[in-house]
N, C-alpha and C. Protein backbone atom coordinates (compact mmCIF):
# COMPACT_ATOMS: atom_id res chain seq x y z
N UNK A 1 3.02 120.19 63.23
CA UNK A 1 2.47 120.15 61.89
C UNK A 1 1.55 121.33 61.61
N UNK A 2 0.96 121.87 62.66
CA UNK A 2 -0.01 122.95 62.48
C UNK A 2 0.61 124.16 61.78
N UNK A 3 1.80 124.54 62.19
CA UNK A 3 2.45 125.70 61.59
C UNK A 3 2.74 125.46 60.09
N UNK A 4 3.15 124.24 59.75
CA UNK A 4 3.39 123.89 58.34
C UNK A 4 2.09 123.93 57.55
N UNK A 5 1.02 123.40 58.13
CA UNK A 5 -0.28 123.41 57.46
C UNK A 5 -0.76 124.83 57.21
N UNK A 6 -0.58 125.71 58.19
CA UNK A 6 -1.00 127.10 58.03
C UNK A 6 -0.21 127.79 56.92
N UNK A 7 1.10 127.53 56.86
CA UNK A 7 1.93 128.14 55.82
C UNK A 7 1.53 127.62 54.44
N UNK A 8 1.24 126.32 54.34
CA UNK A 8 0.81 125.76 53.06
C UNK A 8 -0.54 126.34 52.64
N UNK A 9 -1.44 126.52 53.58
CA UNK A 9 -2.75 127.12 53.28
C UNK A 9 -2.57 128.56 52.79
N UNK A 10 -1.67 129.30 53.42
CA UNK A 10 -1.38 130.66 52.99
C UNK A 10 -0.83 130.66 51.56
N UNK A 11 0.05 129.72 51.26
CA UNK A 11 0.62 129.61 49.91
C UNK A 11 -0.47 129.35 48.88
N UNK A 12 -1.45 128.54 49.22
CA UNK A 12 -2.56 128.29 48.28
C UNK A 12 -3.42 129.53 48.07
N UNK A 13 -3.61 130.30 49.14
CA UNK A 13 -4.40 131.53 49.04
C UNK A 13 -3.63 132.64 48.35
N UNK A 14 -2.33 132.72 48.60
CA UNK A 14 -1.48 133.78 48.07
C UNK A 14 -0.21 133.17 47.50
N UNK A 15 -0.30 132.61 46.30
CA UNK A 15 0.87 131.92 45.73
C UNK A 15 1.93 132.90 45.24
N UNK A 16 2.80 133.30 46.17
CA UNK A 16 3.89 134.18 45.79
C UNK A 16 5.19 133.67 46.41
N UNK A 17 6.28 134.28 46.01
CA UNK A 17 7.60 133.84 46.45
C UNK A 17 7.75 133.97 47.97
N UNK A 18 7.19 135.01 48.53
CA UNK A 18 7.29 135.21 49.98
C UNK A 18 6.64 134.05 50.74
N UNK A 19 5.46 133.64 50.30
CA UNK A 19 4.76 132.53 50.96
C UNK A 19 5.51 131.21 50.75
N UNK A 20 6.02 131.00 49.54
CA UNK A 20 6.77 129.77 49.27
C UNK A 20 8.06 129.74 50.08
N UNK A 21 8.71 130.88 50.22
CA UNK A 21 9.93 130.95 51.04
C UNK A 21 9.61 130.56 52.48
N UNK A 22 8.52 131.07 53.01
CA UNK A 22 8.11 130.75 54.38
C UNK A 22 7.84 129.24 54.52
N UNK A 23 7.14 128.67 53.55
CA UNK A 23 6.86 127.24 53.57
C UNK A 23 8.16 126.45 53.58
N UNK A 24 9.08 126.82 52.73
CA UNK A 24 10.34 126.07 52.63
C UNK A 24 11.16 126.19 53.92
N UNK A 25 11.16 127.35 54.53
CA UNK A 25 11.86 127.52 55.81
C UNK A 25 11.24 126.63 56.88
N UNK A 26 9.92 126.65 56.96
CA UNK A 26 9.23 125.85 57.98
C UNK A 26 9.39 124.36 57.74
N UNK A 27 9.25 123.93 56.48
CA UNK A 27 9.40 122.50 56.19
C UNK A 27 10.82 122.02 56.47
N UNK A 28 11.80 122.82 56.10
CA UNK A 28 13.19 122.44 56.36
C UNK A 28 13.42 122.26 57.85
N UNK A 29 12.98 123.23 58.63
CA UNK A 29 13.13 123.16 60.09
C UNK A 29 12.36 121.96 60.66
N UNK A 30 11.14 121.78 60.21
CA UNK A 30 10.31 120.68 60.71
C UNK A 30 10.93 119.33 60.38
N UNK A 31 11.37 119.17 59.14
CA UNK A 31 11.95 117.89 58.72
C UNK A 31 13.23 117.59 59.50
N UNK A 32 14.07 118.59 59.71
CA UNK A 32 15.30 118.37 60.48
C UNK A 32 14.96 117.93 61.91
N UNK A 33 14.00 118.58 62.51
CA UNK A 33 13.60 118.25 63.87
C UNK A 33 13.02 116.83 63.92
N UNK A 34 12.13 116.52 62.98
CA UNK A 34 11.51 115.20 62.94
C UNK A 34 12.55 114.10 62.75
N UNK A 35 13.49 114.34 61.85
CA UNK A 35 14.53 113.34 61.61
C UNK A 35 15.42 113.13 62.83
N UNK A 36 15.72 114.20 63.55
CA UNK A 36 16.54 114.04 64.76
C UNK A 36 15.78 113.27 65.84
N UNK A 37 14.48 113.50 65.97
CA UNK A 37 13.67 112.75 66.93
C UNK A 37 13.61 111.27 66.55
N UNK A 38 13.41 111.01 65.26
CA UNK A 38 13.33 109.63 64.78
C UNK A 38 14.65 108.91 65.04
N UNK A 39 15.74 109.58 64.73
CA UNK A 39 17.06 108.97 64.90
C UNK A 39 17.35 108.72 66.38
N UNK A 40 17.05 109.69 67.21
CA UNK A 40 17.31 109.56 68.65
C UNK A 40 16.51 108.43 69.28
N UNK A 41 15.31 108.20 68.76
CA UNK A 41 14.47 107.15 69.33
C UNK A 41 14.71 105.79 68.70
N UNK A 42 15.53 105.76 67.64
CA UNK A 42 15.80 104.50 66.95
C UNK A 42 14.68 104.08 66.02
N UNK A 43 13.76 105.00 65.72
CA UNK A 43 12.63 104.68 64.86
C UNK A 43 13.10 104.32 63.46
N UNK A 44 12.61 103.23 62.93
CA UNK A 44 12.83 102.88 61.54
C UNK A 44 14.23 102.45 61.18
N UNK A 45 14.99 101.96 62.12
CA UNK A 45 16.34 101.45 61.87
C UNK A 45 17.25 102.48 61.20
N UNK A 46 17.49 103.63 61.87
CA UNK A 46 18.41 104.60 61.29
C UNK A 46 19.79 103.99 61.08
N UNK A 47 20.45 104.40 60.04
CA UNK A 47 21.78 103.88 59.76
C UNK A 47 21.78 102.75 58.75
N UNK A 48 20.63 102.13 58.53
CA UNK A 48 20.53 101.08 57.52
C UNK A 48 20.08 101.71 56.20
N UNK A 49 20.63 101.21 55.09
CA UNK A 49 20.35 101.78 53.78
C UNK A 49 18.87 101.68 53.41
N UNK A 50 18.27 100.52 53.65
CA UNK A 50 16.86 100.31 53.33
C UNK A 50 16.10 100.17 54.64
N UNK A 51 15.50 101.26 55.06
CA UNK A 51 14.77 101.26 56.32
C UNK A 51 13.64 102.27 56.24
N UNK A 52 12.65 102.15 57.11
CA UNK A 52 11.59 103.16 57.14
C UNK A 52 12.16 104.56 57.37
N UNK A 53 13.18 104.66 58.23
CA UNK A 53 13.80 105.96 58.49
C UNK A 53 14.42 106.52 57.21
N UNK A 54 15.22 105.72 56.52
CA UNK A 54 15.89 106.18 55.30
C UNK A 54 14.87 106.58 54.24
N UNK A 55 13.82 105.80 54.09
CA UNK A 55 12.78 106.14 53.12
C UNK A 55 12.05 107.43 53.48
N UNK A 56 11.82 107.64 54.76
CA UNK A 56 11.15 108.85 55.21
C UNK A 56 12.03 110.08 54.93
N UNK A 57 13.32 109.94 55.20
CA UNK A 57 14.26 111.03 54.93
C UNK A 57 14.28 111.33 53.42
N UNK A 58 14.24 110.29 52.60
CA UNK A 58 14.21 110.50 51.15
C UNK A 58 12.93 111.23 50.73
N UNK A 59 11.81 110.93 51.38
CA UNK A 59 10.57 111.66 51.10
C UNK A 59 10.75 113.14 51.42
N UNK A 60 11.35 113.43 52.56
CA UNK A 60 11.62 114.82 52.93
C UNK A 60 12.48 115.50 51.87
N UNK A 61 13.53 114.81 51.43
CA UNK A 61 14.43 115.38 50.43
C UNK A 61 13.70 115.67 49.12
N UNK A 62 12.82 114.77 48.70
CA UNK A 62 12.06 114.98 47.46
C UNK A 62 11.14 116.19 47.59
N UNK A 63 10.47 116.30 48.71
CA UNK A 63 9.56 117.43 48.94
C UNK A 63 10.34 118.74 48.91
N UNK A 64 11.47 118.78 49.61
CA UNK A 64 12.27 120.00 49.64
C UNK A 64 12.85 120.33 48.27
N UNK A 65 13.29 119.32 47.55
CA UNK A 65 13.82 119.54 46.20
C UNK A 65 12.77 120.20 45.31
N UNK A 66 11.55 119.70 45.35
CA UNK A 66 10.46 120.27 44.54
C UNK A 66 10.25 121.74 44.91
N UNK A 67 10.17 122.01 46.18
CA UNK A 67 9.93 123.38 46.64
C UNK A 67 11.06 124.33 46.27
N UNK A 68 12.30 123.90 46.45
CA UNK A 68 13.43 124.78 46.15
C UNK A 68 13.59 125.00 44.65
N UNK A 69 13.26 124.01 43.83
CA UNK A 69 13.29 124.20 42.37
C UNK A 69 12.25 125.25 41.98
N UNK A 70 11.05 125.15 42.54
CA UNK A 70 10.02 126.14 42.25
C UNK A 70 10.43 127.52 42.73
N UNK A 71 11.02 127.60 43.89
CA UNK A 71 11.46 128.88 44.42
C UNK A 71 12.51 129.50 43.50
N UNK A 72 13.45 128.71 43.04
CA UNK A 72 14.50 129.21 42.15
C UNK A 72 13.92 129.73 40.84
N UNK A 73 12.86 129.09 40.34
CA UNK A 73 12.22 129.52 39.08
C UNK A 73 11.65 130.93 39.20
N UNK A 74 11.22 131.30 40.40
CA UNK A 74 10.49 132.55 40.57
C UNK A 74 11.28 133.65 41.24
N UNK A 75 12.47 133.37 41.69
CA UNK A 75 13.28 134.40 42.32
C UNK A 75 14.05 135.16 41.26
N UNK A 76 14.02 136.43 41.37
CA UNK A 76 14.76 137.30 40.46
C UNK A 76 15.72 138.14 41.29
N UNK A 77 17.02 137.91 41.18
CA UNK A 77 17.98 138.70 41.94
C UNK A 77 17.86 140.20 41.64
N UNK A 78 17.87 140.99 42.68
CA UNK A 78 17.85 142.46 42.56
C UNK A 78 16.65 142.99 41.80
N UNK A 79 15.52 142.34 41.93
CA UNK A 79 14.30 142.85 41.30
C UNK A 79 13.13 142.60 42.23
N UNK A 80 11.96 143.08 41.84
CA UNK A 80 10.79 142.84 42.66
C UNK A 80 10.44 141.36 42.63
N UNK A 81 9.72 140.91 43.62
CA UNK A 81 9.35 139.50 43.72
C UNK A 81 8.19 139.23 42.77
N UNK A 82 8.39 138.34 41.80
CA UNK A 82 7.29 138.02 40.88
C UNK A 82 6.24 137.15 41.58
N UNK A 83 5.02 137.36 41.21
CA UNK A 83 3.94 136.55 41.79
C UNK A 83 3.74 135.30 40.94
N UNK A 84 3.50 134.19 41.60
CA UNK A 84 3.23 132.95 40.89
C UNK A 84 1.75 132.89 40.58
N UNK A 85 1.38 132.22 39.51
CA UNK A 85 -0.03 132.04 39.20
C UNK A 85 -0.57 130.85 39.98
N UNK A 86 -1.86 130.77 40.16
CA UNK A 86 -2.46 129.66 40.89
C UNK A 86 -2.13 128.32 40.24
N UNK A 87 -2.11 128.27 38.91
CA UNK A 87 -1.82 127.00 38.25
C UNK A 87 -0.38 126.57 38.52
N UNK A 88 0.55 127.52 38.64
CA UNK A 88 1.93 127.16 38.96
C UNK A 88 2.02 126.66 40.39
N UNK A 89 1.27 127.25 41.30
CA UNK A 89 1.33 126.86 42.70
C UNK A 89 0.72 125.50 42.92
N UNK A 90 -0.25 125.11 42.13
CA UNK A 90 -0.92 123.83 42.35
C UNK A 90 -0.43 122.73 41.43
N UNK A 91 0.48 123.05 40.51
CA UNK A 91 0.98 122.05 39.57
C UNK A 91 1.91 121.06 40.23
């Protein structure tokens, strides 16, 4: 979690596409790893539609969806990286 926390703190200090990209890469990797550990250990009844595991995975999906939507808003193909404003980063 420490690496994710550091990336999120950097994003708050420097709200730009580069920092958000780093956050999204780290969160995606972290969530995949966490879900595989949970599934391997049988935590939260994996495989059942309504389970702590399924709900946790849905939380991960919601978080990633929010981040990737924000990233898409600020990415400009073949141009310089636009900087996000603090209000956009904290909204």
